[in-house]
C-alpha atoms as a PDB file:
ATOM      1  CA  MET A   1      -8.562 -15.129  20.667  1.00  0.00           C
ATOM      2  CA  PRO A   2      -8.254 -15.876  16.927  1.00  0.00           C
ATOM      3  CA  ASP A   3      -6.119 -18.880  15.988  1.00  0.00           C
ATOM      4  CA  ARG A   4      -2.652 -17.459  15.296  1.00  0.00           C
ATOM      5  CA  ALA A   5      -1.627 -20.220  12.856  1.00  0.00           C
ATOM      6  CA  ARG A   6      -4.779 -19.757  10.778  1.00  0.00           C
ATOM      7  CA  ILE A   7      -4.254 -16.001  10.651  1.00  0.00           C
ATOM      8  CA  HIS A   8      -0.655 -16.491   9.516  1.00  0.00           C
ATOM      9  CA  ARG A   9      -1.740 -18.946   6.772  1.00  0.00           C
ATOM     10  CA  TRP A  10      -4.294 -16.469   5.427  1.00  0.00           C
ATOM     11  CA  GLY A  11      -1.662 -13.753   5.554  1.00  0.00           C
ATOM     12  CA  TRP A  12       0.805 -15.793   3.482  1.00  0.00           C
ATOM     13  CA  PHE A  13      -1.909 -16.765   0.991  1.00  0.00           C
ATOM     14  CA  ALA A  14      -3.000 -13.144   0.583  1.00  0.00           C
ATOM     15  CA  LEU A  15       0.608 -11.998   0.260  1.00  0.00           C
ATOM     16  CA  ALA A  16       1.327 -14.524  -2.514  1.00  0.00           C
ATOM     17  CA  ILE A  17      -1.716 -13.380  -4.504  1.00  0.00           C
ATOM     18  CA  LEU A  18      -0.855  -9.721  -3.952  1.00  0.00           C
ATOM     19  CA  ILE A  19       2.763 -10.124  -4.991  1.00  0.00           C
ATOM     20  CA  LEU A  20       1.799 -11.919  -8.202  1.00  0.00           C
ATOM     21  CA  GLY A  21      -0.740  -9.229  -9.070  1.00  0.00           C
ATOM     22  CA  THR A  22       1.564  -6.380  -8.091  1.00  0.00           C
ATOM     23  CA  PHE A  23       4.472  -7.635 -10.147  1.00  0.00           C
ATOM     24  CA  TRP A  24       2.236  -8.261 -13.138  1.00  0.00           C
ATOM     25  CA  LEU A  25       0.871  -4.692 -12.981  1.00  0.00           C
ATOM     26  CA  ALA A  26       4.130  -2.990 -12.024  1.00  0.00           C
ATOM     27  CA  PHE A  27       6.302  -4.609 -14.679  1.00  0.00           C
ATOM     28  CA  LEU A  28       3.841  -4.715 -17.551  1.00  0.00           C
ATOM     29  CA  PRO A  29       5.529  -2.684 -20.303  1.00  0.00           C
ATOM     30  CA  LEU A  30       3.487   0.352 -21.320  1.00  0.00           C
ATOM     31  CA  ASP A  31       3.668   2.572 -24.355  1.00  0.00           C
ATOM     32  CA  THR A  32       3.843   5.850 -22.464  1.00  0.00           C
ATOM     33  CA  ARG A  33       6.238   8.739 -22.530  1.00  0.00           C
ATOM     34  CA  VAL A  34       6.755   9.442 -18.860  1.00  0.00           C
ATOM     35  CA  SER A  35       9.979  10.342 -17.136  1.00  0.00           C
ATOM     36  CA  ASP A  36      11.344   9.261 -13.790  1.00  0.00           C
ATOM     37  CA  ASN A  37      10.721  11.436 -10.730  1.00  0.00           C
ATOM     38  CA  PHE A  38      13.131  11.432  -7.809  1.00  0.00           C
ATOM     39  CA  VAL A  39      11.940  14.663  -6.123  1.00  0.00           C
ATOM     40  CA  PRO A  40       9.093  13.994  -3.649  1.00  0.00           C
ATOM     41  CA  LEU A  41       5.759  15.615  -4.566  1.00  0.00           C
ATOM     42  CA  SER A  42       7.355  17.867  -7.218  1.00  0.00           C
ATOM     43  CA  ARG A  43       4.844  16.957  -9.922  1.00  0.00           C
ATOM     44  CA  LYS A  44       1.766  15.775  -8.134  1.00  0.00           C
ATOM     45  CA  LEU A  45       1.298  18.413  -5.448  1.00  0.00           C
ATOM     46  CA  PRO A  46       0.850  21.317  -7.919  1.00  0.00           C
ATOM     47  CA  ALA A  47      -1.630  19.220  -9.896  1.00  0.00           C
ATOM     48  CA  ILE A  48      -3.618  18.394  -6.765  1.00  0.00           C
ATOM     49  CA  ARG A  49      -3.706  22.076  -5.766  1.00  0.00           C
ATOM     50  CA  CYS A  50      -4.949  22.957  -9.223  1.00  0.00           C
ATOM     51  CA  PHE A  51      -7.578  20.213  -9.111  1.00  0.00           C
ATOM     52  CA  LEU A  52      -8.872  21.341  -5.708  1.00  0.00           C
ATOM     53  CA  ARG A  53      -9.085  24.983  -6.797  1.00  0.00           C
ATOM     54  CA  GLY A  54     -10.833  24.053 -10.045  1.00  0.00           C
ATOM     55  CA  GLY A  55     -10.703  25.861 -13.335  1.00  0.00           C
ATOM     56  CA  CYS A  56      -7.298  24.564 -14.430  1.00  0.00           C
ATOM     57  CA  ARG A  57      -6.632  24.511 -18.130  1.00  0.00           C
ATOM     58  CA  TRP A  58      -4.961  21.149 -17.621  1.00  0.00           C
ATOM     59  CA  MET A  59      -7.778  19.623 -15.571  1.00  0.00           C
ATOM     60  CA  LEU A  60      -7.468  16.237 -17.246  1.00  0.00           C
ATOM     61  CA  THR A  61      -3.875  15.946 -16.045  1.00  0.00           C
ATOM     62  CA  SER A  62      -4.733  16.963 -12.492  1.00  0.00           C
ATOM     63  CA  ARG A  63      -7.638  14.507 -12.418  1.00  0.00           C
ATOM     64  CA  ALA A  64      -5.276  11.745 -13.582  1.00  0.00           C
ATOM     65  CA  VAL A  65      -2.864  12.690 -10.798  1.00  0.00           C
ATOM     66  CA  LEU A  66      -5.648  12.455  -8.211  1.00  0.00           C
ATOM     67  CA  ILE A  67      -6.583   9.007  -9.519  1.00  0.00           C
ATOM     68  CA  ASP A  68      -2.896   8.056  -9.374  1.00  0.00           C
ATOM     69  CA  TRP A  69      -2.675   9.169  -5.738  1.00  0.00           C
ATOM     70  CA  VAL A  70      -5.799   7.312  -4.655  1.00  0.00           C
ATOM     71  CA  GLY A  71      -4.853   4.245  -6.690  1.00  0.00           C
ATOM     72  CA  ASN A  72      -1.369   4.008  -5.178  1.00  0.00           C
ATOM     73  CA  VAL A  73      -2.763   4.207  -1.651  1.00  0.00           C
ATOM     74  CA  LEU A  74      -5.661   1.794  -2.252  1.00  0.00           C
ATOM     75  CA  PHE A  75      -3.510  -0.762  -4.064  1.00  0.00           C
ATOM     76  CA  PHE A  76      -1.181  -1.207  -1.079  1.00  0.00           C
ATOM     77  CA  ILE A  77      -3.839  -1.430   1.653  1.00  0.00           C
ATOM     78  CA  PRO A  78      -4.234  -5.207   1.125  1.00  0.00           C
ATOM     79  CA  LEU A  79      -0.446  -5.617   1.231  1.00  0.00           C
ATOM     80  CA  GLY A  80      -0.348  -3.856   4.611  1.00  0.00           C
ATOM     81  CA  ALA A  81      -3.118  -6.123   5.860  1.00  0.00           C
ATOM     82  CA  ALA A  82      -1.394  -9.292   4.600  1.00  0.00           C
ATOM     83  CA  LEU A  83       1.938  -8.299   6.141  1.00  0.00           C
ATOM     84  CA  ALA A  84       0.177  -7.510   9.420  1.00  0.00           C
ATOM     85  CA  LEU A  85      -1.439 -10.957   9.448  1.00  0.00           C
ATOM     86  CA  ILE A  86       1.847 -12.700   8.718  1.00  0.00           C
ATOM     87  CA  ARG A  87       3.641 -10.997  11.582  1.00  0.00           C
ATOM     88  CA  TRP A  88       0.687 -10.834  13.981  1.00  0.00           C
ATOM     89  CA  PRO A  89       2.134 -11.613  17.435  1.00  0.00           C
ATOM     90  CA  GLY A  90      -0.978 -13.327  18.765  1.00  0.00           C
ATOM     91  CA  ARG A  91      -2.506 -10.585  20.848  1.00  0.00           C
ATOM     92  CA  ALA A  92      -4.869  -7.746  20.030  1.00  0.00           C
ATOM     93  CA  ALA A  93      -2.693  -5.041  21.576  1.00  0.00           C
ATOM     94  CA  ALA A  94       0.484  -5.692  19.577  1.00  0.00           C
ATOM     95  CA  GLY A  95       3.378  -3.315  20.050  1.00  0.00           C
ATOM     96  CA  TRP A  96       5.262  -0.860  17.858  1.00  0.00           C
ATOM     97  CA  ARG A  97       7.828  -3.447  16.786  1.00  0.00           C
ATOM     98  CA  TRP A  98       5.182  -5.338  14.880  1.00  0.00           C
ATOM     99  CA  ALA A  99       3.846  -2.193  13.238  1.00  0.00           C
ATOM    100  CA  GLY A 100       7.353  -0.997  12.401  1.00  0.00           C
ATOM    101  CA  TRP A 101       8.185  -4.297  10.702  1.00  0.00           C
ATOM    102  CA  VAL A 102       5.012  -4.140   8.614  1.00  0.00           C
ATOM    103  CA  VAL A 103       5.581  -0.529   7.489  1.00  0.00           C
ATOM    104  CA  LEU A 104       9.282  -1.041   6.770  1.00  0.00           C
ATOM    105  CA  THR A 105       8.641  -4.226   4.785  1.00  0.00           C
ATOM    106  CA  GLY A 106       5.893  -2.536   2.765  1.00  0.00           C
ATOM    107  CA  ALA A 107       8.144   0.448   2.034  1.00  0.00           C
ATOM    108  CA  LEU A 108      10.963  -1.863   0.938  1.00  0.00           C
ATOM    109  CA  ILE A 109       8.649  -3.822  -1.359  1.00  0.00           C
ATOM    110  CA  SER A 110       7.429  -0.571  -2.905  1.00  0.00           C
ATOM    111  CA  THR A 111      10.991   0.708  -3.313  1.00  0.00           C
ATOM    112  CA  GLY A 112      12.007  -2.559  -4.978  1.00  0.00           C
ATOM    113  CA  ILE A 113       9.127  -2.306  -7.412  1.00  0.00           C
ATOM    114  CA  GLU A 114       9.966   1.297  -8.302  1.00  0.00           C
ATOM    115  CA  LEU A 115      13.649   0.494  -8.804  1.00  0.00           C
ATOM    116  CA  GLY A 116      12.710  -2.512 -10.925  1.00  0.00           C
ATOM    117  CA  GLN A 117      10.612  -0.281 -13.144  1.00  0.00           C
ATOM    118  CA  LEU A 118      13.812   1.506 -14.173  1.00  0.00           C
ATOM    119  CA  LEU A 119      14.540  -1.582 -16.276  1.00  0.00           C
ATOM    120  CA  VAL A 120      11.116  -1.852 -17.955  1.00  0.00           C
ATOM    121  CA  PRO A 121      10.476   0.134 -21.151  1.00  0.00           C
ATOM    122  CA  GLY A 122       7.568   2.535 -20.850  1.00  0.00           C
ATOM    123  CA  ARG A 123       7.543   2.448 -17.037  1.00  0.00           C
ATOM    124  CA  ALA A 124       8.679   5.276 -14.803  1.00  0.00           C
ATOM    125  CA  THR A 125      10.151   5.283 -11.328  1.00  0.00           C
ATOM    126  CA  ASP A 126       8.436   7.785  -9.052  1.00  0.00           C
ATOM    127  CA  VAL A 127       9.386   8.469  -5.447  1.00  0.00           C
ATOM    128  CA  ASP A 128       5.813   9.681  -4.866  1.00  0.00           C
ATOM    129  CA  ASP A 129       4.605   6.142  -5.529  1.00  0.00           C
ATOM    130  CA  VAL A 130       6.810   4.815  -2.710  1.00  0.00           C
ATOM    131  CA  ILE A 131       5.394   7.438  -0.331  1.00  0.00           C
ATOM    132  CA  LEU A 132       1.773   6.764  -1.337  1.00  0.00           C
ATOM    133  CA  ASN A 133       2.226   2.979  -1.308  1.00  0.00           C
ATOM    134  CA  THR A 134       3.658   3.194   2.213  1.00  0.00           C
ATOM    135  CA  ILE A 135       0.633   5.235   3.297  1.00  0.00           C
ATOM    136  CA  GLY A 136      -1.515   2.409   1.907  1.00  0.00           C
ATOM    137  CA  VAL A 137       0.478  -0.132   3.954  1.00  0.00           C
ATOM    138  CA  VAL A 138      -0.113   1.953   7.102  1.00  0.00           C
ATOM    139  CA  VAL A 139      -3.865   2.080   6.395  1.00  0.00           C
ATOM    140  CA  GLY A 140      -3.934  -1.705   5.832  1.00  0.00           C
ATOM    141  CA  LEU A 141      -2.024  -2.268   9.075  1.00  0.00           C
ATOM    142  CA  ALA A 142      -4.386  -0.004  11.026  1.00  0.00           C
ATOM    143  CA  ALA A 143      -7.468  -1.707   9.578  1.00  0.00           C
ATOM    144  CA  THR A 144      -6.076  -5.162  10.375  1.00  0.00           C
ATOM    145  CA  ARG A 145      -5.103  -4.157  13.892  1.00  0.00           C
ATOM    146  CA  ALA A 146      -8.582  -2.743  14.496  1.00  0.00           C
ATOM    147  CA  SER A 147     -10.225  -5.873  13.044  1.00  0.00           C
ATOM    148  CA  ILE A 148      -8.167  -8.176  15.249  1.00  0.00           C
ATOM    149  CA  ALA A 149      -9.076  -6.110  18.309  1.00  0.00           C
ATOM    150  CA  VAL A 150     -12.788  -6.256  17.428  1.00  0.00           C
ATOM    151  CA  VAL A 151     -12.695 -10.034  16.893  1.00  0.00           C
ATOM    152  CA  ALA A 152     -10.826 -10.548  20.177  1.00  0.00           C
ATOM    153  CA  ALA A 153     -13.333  -8.369  22.066  1.00  0.00           C
ATOM    154  CA  ALA A 154     -16.274 -10.200  20.502  1.00  0.00           C
ATOM    155  CA  ARG A 155     -14.821 -13.574  21.458  1.00  0.00           C
ATOM    156  CA  ARG A 156     -14.368 -12.422  25.063  1.00  0.00           C
ATOM    157  CA  LEU A 157     -18.057 -11.499  25.181  1.00  0.00           C
ATOM    158  CA  MET A 158     -19.246 -14.833  23.817  1.00  0.00           C
ATOM    159  CA  PRO A 159     -20.136 -17.480  26.378  1.00  0.00           C
ATOM    160  CA  PRO A 160     -17.815 -20.529  26.433  1.00  0.00           C
END
């Protein structure tokens, strides 16, 4: 079984690095003319449909939306992993409480970032970002849970 204290230390270290990087990127003022979006998927879903069908006259915009979607998910995968390590209960088959805490905390962090961007010139608050960031947290949690299970199984197979 992996050392719980060591796993928690790595989780806190990773979380500190991620929070510093996230806040730097999220609150860096930009010179863009974007507006806030409080209606889930109202802007991005039509662009994704257009991108998948091909032949859109505004292909550059739909491609940027696809990159935005993937980027928001990928950027929060490490946060989900770090939160999972911090709250890891010490067994490979952790319950739903642990997973729920990780997802809720990740969603709250994302919501805080988006609300904070209301105060930064050139930044826009987008509810889609909260949804996509939370999906990234879930992926990070699942990957961490699977990794812990693999390490625990491998250690059981190793001779003492």
